Amino acid sequence: MKILLSVLFLANFFSSASYFIKGKGFEGYIFSIDHFVLIDVKGQSYRPDEKDINAAERLLKENLKSVNTPSINQGNKGCPVIHKNLKKYVRQYIGVINENGDKVLWVNFVWKSGADRKRLSEDIETVLDGCSRYWNIKINVDEGILYDLRVNGEA
């Protein structure tokens, strides 16, 4: 049975636009290297694996609060404070090998409540406004750093 699950995992991992991943306190979609995404991380695209995702999630839990100061577009008018609500977001993961050879994940966060899971599995969600229900960050897995936090504005 374990071998069958591994084969199914690998078949799904290499054949679909995205691969669903779920871990302790997180869930999301890993996108393939050929999926077009308009982000400003220079380097060669790669598809992150489970090890990369788990490392990124650990870094988020440990360091997001310090990166999220001041908490812009959060904590008022129903806009959640992101570091206090990580479990309430669905993620979209894109991997890049930067010019130094480091693995960098660009992670897009979408508030779970009311999220269209089918759409999230097919394409990167782009939303203008929406405050902290939509945000993204870059995580250098090899260096262990979070940077370029971008929280949507309020409309």
C-alpha atoms as a PDB file:
ATOM      1  CA  MET A   1       0.000   0.000   0.000  1.00  0.00           C
ATOM      2  CA  LYS A   2       2.837   2.409   0.879  1.00  0.00           C
ATOM      3  CA  ILE A   3       4.438   1.808  -2.527  1.00  0.00           C
ATOM      4  CA  LEU A   4       1.124   2.466  -4.290  1.00  0.00           C
ATOM      5  CA  LEU A   5       0.679   5.745  -2.416  1.00  0.00           C
ATOM      6  CA  SER A   6       4.228   6.775  -3.324  1.00  0.00           C
ATOM      7  CA  VAL A   7       3.597   5.999  -7.000  1.00  0.00           C
ATOM      8  CA  LEU A   8       0.313   7.960  -6.929  1.00  0.00           C
ATOM      9  CA  PHE A   9       2.069  10.865  -5.192  1.00  0.00           C
ATOM     10  CA  LEU A  10       4.828  10.966  -7.807  1.00  0.00           C
ATOM     11  CA  ALA A  11       2.385  10.653 -10.711  1.00  0.00           C
ATOM     12  CA  ASN A  12       0.312  13.543  -9.347  1.00  0.00           C
ATOM     13  CA  PHE A  13       3.427  15.556  -8.459  1.00  0.00           C
ATOM     14  CA  PHE A  14       4.828  15.518 -11.983  1.00  0.00           C
ATOM     15  CA  SER A  15       1.639  15.571 -14.058  1.00  0.00           C
ATOM     16  CA  SER A  16      -0.749  18.191 -12.707  1.00  0.00           C
ATOM     17  CA  ALA A  17      -0.649  21.962 -12.536  1.00  0.00           C
ATOM     18  CA  SER A  18      -0.526  21.762  -8.756  1.00  0.00           C
ATOM     19  CA  TYR A  19      -0.137  19.227  -6.021  1.00  0.00           C
ATOM     20  CA  PHE A  20      -2.169  19.433  -2.800  1.00  0.00           C
ATOM     21  CA  ILE A  21      -0.159  19.221   0.408  1.00  0.00           C
ATOM     22  CA  LYS A  22      -1.408  19.138   3.965  1.00  0.00           C
ATOM     23  CA  GLY A  23       0.674  19.171   7.119  1.00  0.00           C
ATOM     24  CA  LYS A  24       0.331  20.050  10.769  1.00  0.00           C
ATOM     25  CA  GLY A  25      -1.414  23.428  10.759  1.00  0.00           C
ATOM     26  CA  PHE A  26      -1.169  24.119   7.027  1.00  0.00           C
ATOM     27  CA  GLU A  27      -2.511  23.133   3.636  1.00  0.00           C
ATOM     28  CA  GLY A  28      -1.971  24.373   0.150  1.00  0.00           C
ATOM     29  CA  TYR A  29      -0.966  23.772  -3.442  1.00  0.00           C
ATOM     30  CA  ILE A  30       2.522  23.337  -4.864  1.00  0.00           C
ATOM     31  CA  PHE A  31       2.665  24.560  -8.447  1.00  0.00           C
ATOM     32  CA  SER A  32       4.698  22.978 -11.212  1.00  0.00           C
ATOM     33  CA  ILE A  33       7.766  24.620 -12.658  1.00  0.00           C
ATOM     34  CA  ASP A  34       6.024  25.369 -15.944  1.00  0.00           C
ATOM     35  CA  HIS A  35       3.143  27.285 -14.352  1.00  0.00           C
ATOM     36  CA  PHE A  36       3.348  30.969 -15.288  1.00  0.00           C
ATOM     37  CA  VAL A  37       3.505  33.279 -12.303  1.00  0.00           C
ATOM     38  CA  LEU A  38       4.222  36.978 -12.321  1.00  0.00           C
ATOM     39  CA  ILE A  39       6.526  37.406  -9.320  1.00  0.00           C
ATOM     40  CA  ASP A  40       9.786  39.259  -8.874  1.00  0.00           C
ATOM     41  CA  VAL A  41      12.127  36.472  -7.793  1.00  0.00           C
ATOM     42  CA  LYS A  42      14.950  36.028 -10.268  1.00  0.00           C
ATOM     43  CA  GLY A  43      16.257  32.571 -10.897  1.00  0.00           C
ATOM     44  CA  GLN A  44      15.369  29.163 -12.236  1.00  0.00           C
ATOM     45  CA  SER A  45      11.968  27.725 -11.346  1.00  0.00           C
ATOM     46  CA  TYR A  46      11.738  24.433  -9.508  1.00  0.00           C
ATOM     47  CA  ARG A  47       8.933  22.470  -7.907  1.00  0.00           C
ATOM     48  CA  PRO A  48       9.318  22.451  -4.101  1.00  0.00           C
ATOM     49  CA  ASP A  49       9.034  19.099  -2.383  1.00  0.00           C
ATOM     50  CA  GLU A  50       7.511  18.168   0.970  1.00  0.00           C
ATOM     51  CA  LYS A  51      10.822  18.773   2.761  1.00  0.00           C
ATOM     52  CA  ASP A  52      11.030  22.330   1.391  1.00  0.00           C
ATOM     53  CA  ILE A  53       7.422  23.072   2.341  1.00  0.00           C
ATOM     54  CA  ASN A  54       7.881  21.766   5.882  1.00  0.00           C
ATOM     55  CA  ALA A  55      11.047  23.844   6.292  1.00  0.00           C
ATOM     56  CA  ALA A  56       9.253  26.957   5.017  1.00  0.00           C
ATOM     57  CA  GLU A  57       6.293  26.396   7.333  1.00  0.00           C
ATOM     58  CA  ARG A  58       8.617  25.964  10.314  1.00  0.00           C
ATOM     59  CA  LEU A  59      10.367  29.237   9.448  1.00  0.00           C
ATOM     60  CA  LEU A  60       6.989  30.974   9.153  1.00  0.00           C
ATOM     61  CA  LYS A  61       5.849  29.789  12.583  1.00  0.00           C
ATOM     62  CA  GLU A  62       9.130  30.791  14.203  1.00  0.00           C
ATOM     63  CA  ASN A  63       9.775  34.141  12.500  1.00  0.00           C
ATOM     64  CA  LEU A  64       6.642  35.671  10.988  1.00  0.00           C
ATOM     65  CA  LYS A  65       5.731  37.703  14.068  1.00  0.00           C
ATOM     66  CA  SER A  66       9.054  39.568  14.003  1.00  0.00           C
ATOM     67  CA  VAL A  67       8.837  40.182  10.235  1.00  0.00           C
ATOM     68  CA  ASN A  68       5.226  41.364  10.606  1.00  0.00           C
ATOM     69  CA  THR A  69       6.066  44.525  12.546  1.00  0.00           C
ATOM     70  CA  PRO A  70       4.246  46.833  12.259  1.00  0.00           C
ATOM     71  CA  SER A  71       1.131  44.814  11.441  1.00  0.00           C
ATOM     72  CA  ILE A  72       0.095  46.769   8.351  1.00  0.00           C
ATOM     73  CA  ASN A  73      -3.528  46.334   7.183  1.00  0.00           C
ATOM     74  CA  GLN A  74      -4.247  43.995  10.110  1.00  0.00           C
ATOM     75  CA  GLY A  75      -6.164  43.986  13.355  1.00  0.00           C
ATOM     76  CA  ASN A  76      -9.039  46.292  12.427  1.00  0.00           C
ATOM     77  CA  LYS A  77     -12.288  46.114  10.443  1.00  0.00           C
ATOM     78  CA  GLY A  78     -12.232  42.323  10.375  1.00  0.00           C
ATOM     79  CA  CYS A  79      -8.697  42.115   9.028  1.00  0.00           C
ATOM     80  CA  PRO A  80      -6.867  39.294  10.864  1.00  0.00           C
ATOM     81  CA  VAL A  81      -3.373  39.606  12.303  1.00  0.00           C
ATOM     82  CA  ILE A  82      -1.551  37.178  10.031  1.00  0.00           C
ATOM     83  CA  HIS A  83       0.940  35.679  12.466  1.00  0.00           C
ATOM     84  CA  LYS A  84      -1.898  34.827  14.875  1.00  0.00           C
ATOM     85  CA  ASN A  85      -3.999  33.126  12.186  1.00  0.00           C
ATOM     86  CA  LEU A  86      -1.622  31.058  10.034  1.00  0.00           C
ATOM     87  CA  LYS A  87      -3.864  27.976  10.215  1.00  0.00           C
ATOM     88  CA  LYS A  88      -6.733  29.931   8.634  1.00  0.00           C
ATOM     89  CA  TYR A  89      -5.036  30.374   5.258  1.00  0.00           C
ATOM     90  CA  VAL A  90      -4.689  28.163   2.202  1.00  0.00           C
ATOM     91  CA  ARG A  91      -1.241  28.457   0.645  1.00  0.00           C
ATOM     92  CA  GLN A  92       0.040  28.486  -2.910  1.00  0.00           C
ATOM     93  CA  TYR A  93       3.745  27.615  -3.249  1.00  0.00           C
ATOM     94  CA  ILE A  94       6.097  28.549  -6.092  1.00  0.00           C
ATOM     95  CA  GLY A  95       9.767  27.566  -5.992  1.00  0.00           C
ATOM     96  CA  VAL A  96      12.776  29.379  -7.438  1.00  0.00           C
ATOM     97  CA  ILE A  97      16.500  28.685  -7.279  1.00  0.00           C
ATOM     98  CA  ASN A  98      17.980  32.183  -6.878  1.00  0.00           C
ATOM     99  CA  GLU A  99      21.239  33.525  -8.320  1.00  0.00           C
ATOM    100  CA  ASN A 100      23.139  32.190  -5.265  1.00  0.00           C
ATOM    101  CA  GLY A 101      21.757  28.680  -5.738  1.00  0.00           C
ATOM    102  CA  ASP A 102      19.391  28.979  -2.726  1.00  0.00           C
ATOM    103  CA  LYS A 103      15.883  27.557  -2.716  1.00  0.00           C
ATOM    104  CA  VAL A 104      13.371  30.394  -2.354  1.00  0.00           C
ATOM    105  CA  LEU A 105       9.653  29.826  -1.956  1.00  0.00           C
ATOM    106  CA  TRP A 106       7.165  32.515  -2.843  1.00  0.00           C
ATOM    107  CA  VAL A 107       4.095  31.693  -0.793  1.00  0.00           C
ATOM    108  CA  ASN A 108       0.693  33.210  -1.477  1.00  0.00           C
ATOM    109  CA  PHE A 109      -1.873  33.126   1.373  1.00  0.00           C
ATOM    110  CA  VAL A 110      -5.652  33.163   0.860  1.00  0.00           C
ATOM    111  CA  TRP A 111      -8.168  33.267   3.735  1.00  0.00           C
ATOM    112  CA  LYS A 112      -9.810  29.798   3.918  1.00  0.00           C
ATOM    113  CA  SER A 113     -13.324  30.979   4.639  1.00  0.00           C
ATOM    114  CA  GLY A 114     -15.052  31.194   1.294  1.00  0.00           C
ATOM    115  CA  ALA A 115     -11.964  30.255  -0.732  1.00  0.00           C
ATOM    116  CA  ASP A 116     -12.600  28.518  -4.058  1.00  0.00           C
ATOM    117  CA  ARG A 117     -10.365  25.442  -3.679  1.00  0.00           C
ATOM    118  CA  LYS A 118     -10.715  24.361  -7.298  1.00  0.00           C
ATOM    119  CA  ARG A 119      -9.595  27.765  -8.530  1.00  0.00           C
ATOM    120  CA  LEU A 120      -6.737  27.838  -6.003  1.00  0.00           C
ATOM    121  CA  SER A 121      -5.510  24.496  -7.318  1.00  0.00           C
ATOM    122  CA  GLU A 122      -5.490  25.723 -10.913  1.00  0.00           C
ATOM    123  CA  ASP A 123      -4.032  29.213 -10.796  1.00  0.00           C
ATOM    124  CA  ILE A 124      -2.358  31.700  -8.504  1.00  0.00           C
ATOM    125  CA  GLU A 125      -4.966  33.838  -6.756  1.00  0.00           C
ATOM    126  CA  THR A 126      -4.478  37.526  -7.447  1.00  0.00           C
ATOM    127  CA  VAL A 127      -6.594  39.884  -5.374  1.00  0.00           C
ATOM    128  CA  LEU A 128      -6.418  43.638  -5.031  1.00  0.00           C
ATOM    129  CA  ASP A 129      -7.379  44.892  -1.586  1.00  0.00           C
ATOM    130  CA  GLY A 130      -8.949  42.465   0.885  1.00  0.00           C
ATOM    131  CA  CYS A 131      -6.513  43.477   3.648  1.00  0.00           C
ATOM    132  CA  SER A 132      -4.754  40.667   5.468  1.00  0.00           C
ATOM    133  CA  ARG A 133      -7.047  38.008   4.066  1.00  0.00           C
ATOM    134  CA  TYR A 134      -4.600  37.998   1.138  1.00  0.00           C
ATOM    135  CA  TRP A 135      -0.845  38.276   1.509  1.00  0.00           C
ATOM    136  CA  ASN A 136       2.416  36.740   0.336  1.00  0.00           C
ATOM    137  CA  ILE A 137       6.001  36.376   1.418  1.00  0.00           C
ATOM    138  CA  LYS A 138       9.313  35.008   0.170  1.00  0.00           C
ATOM    139  CA  ILE A 139      11.133  32.370   2.198  1.00  0.00           C
ATOM    140  CA  ASN A 140      14.760  31.480   1.557  1.00  0.00           C
ATOM    141  CA  VAL A 141      14.735  27.894   2.802  1.00  0.00           C
ATOM    142  CA  ASP A 142      18.519  27.450   2.577  1.00  0.00           C
ATOM    143  CA  GLU A 143      19.354  30.677   4.445  1.00  0.00           C
ATOM    144  CA  GLY A 144      16.390  30.397   6.828  1.00  0.00           C
ATOM    145  CA  ILE A 145      15.044  33.898   6.248  1.00  0.00           C
ATOM    146  CA  LEU A 146      11.675  35.480   5.501  1.00  0.00           C
ATOM    147  CA  TYR A 147      11.529  38.644   3.419  1.00  0.00           C
ATOM    148  CA  ASP A 148       9.409  40.796   1.148  1.00  0.00           C
ATOM    149  CA  LEU A 149       6.186  40.460   3.156  1.00  0.00           C
ATOM    150  CA  ARG A 150       3.303  42.009   1.226  1.00  0.00           C
ATOM    151  CA  VAL A 151      -0.116  42.356   2.846  1.00  0.00           C
ATOM    152  CA  ASN A 152      -2.998  43.550   0.667  1.00  0.00           C
ATOM    153  CA  GLY A 153      -4.508  46.950   1.328  1.00  0.00           C
ATOM    154  CA  GLU A 154      -7.968  47.744   2.606  1.00  0.00           C
ATOM    155  CA  ALA A 155     -10.686  48.902   0.224  1.00  0.00           C
END
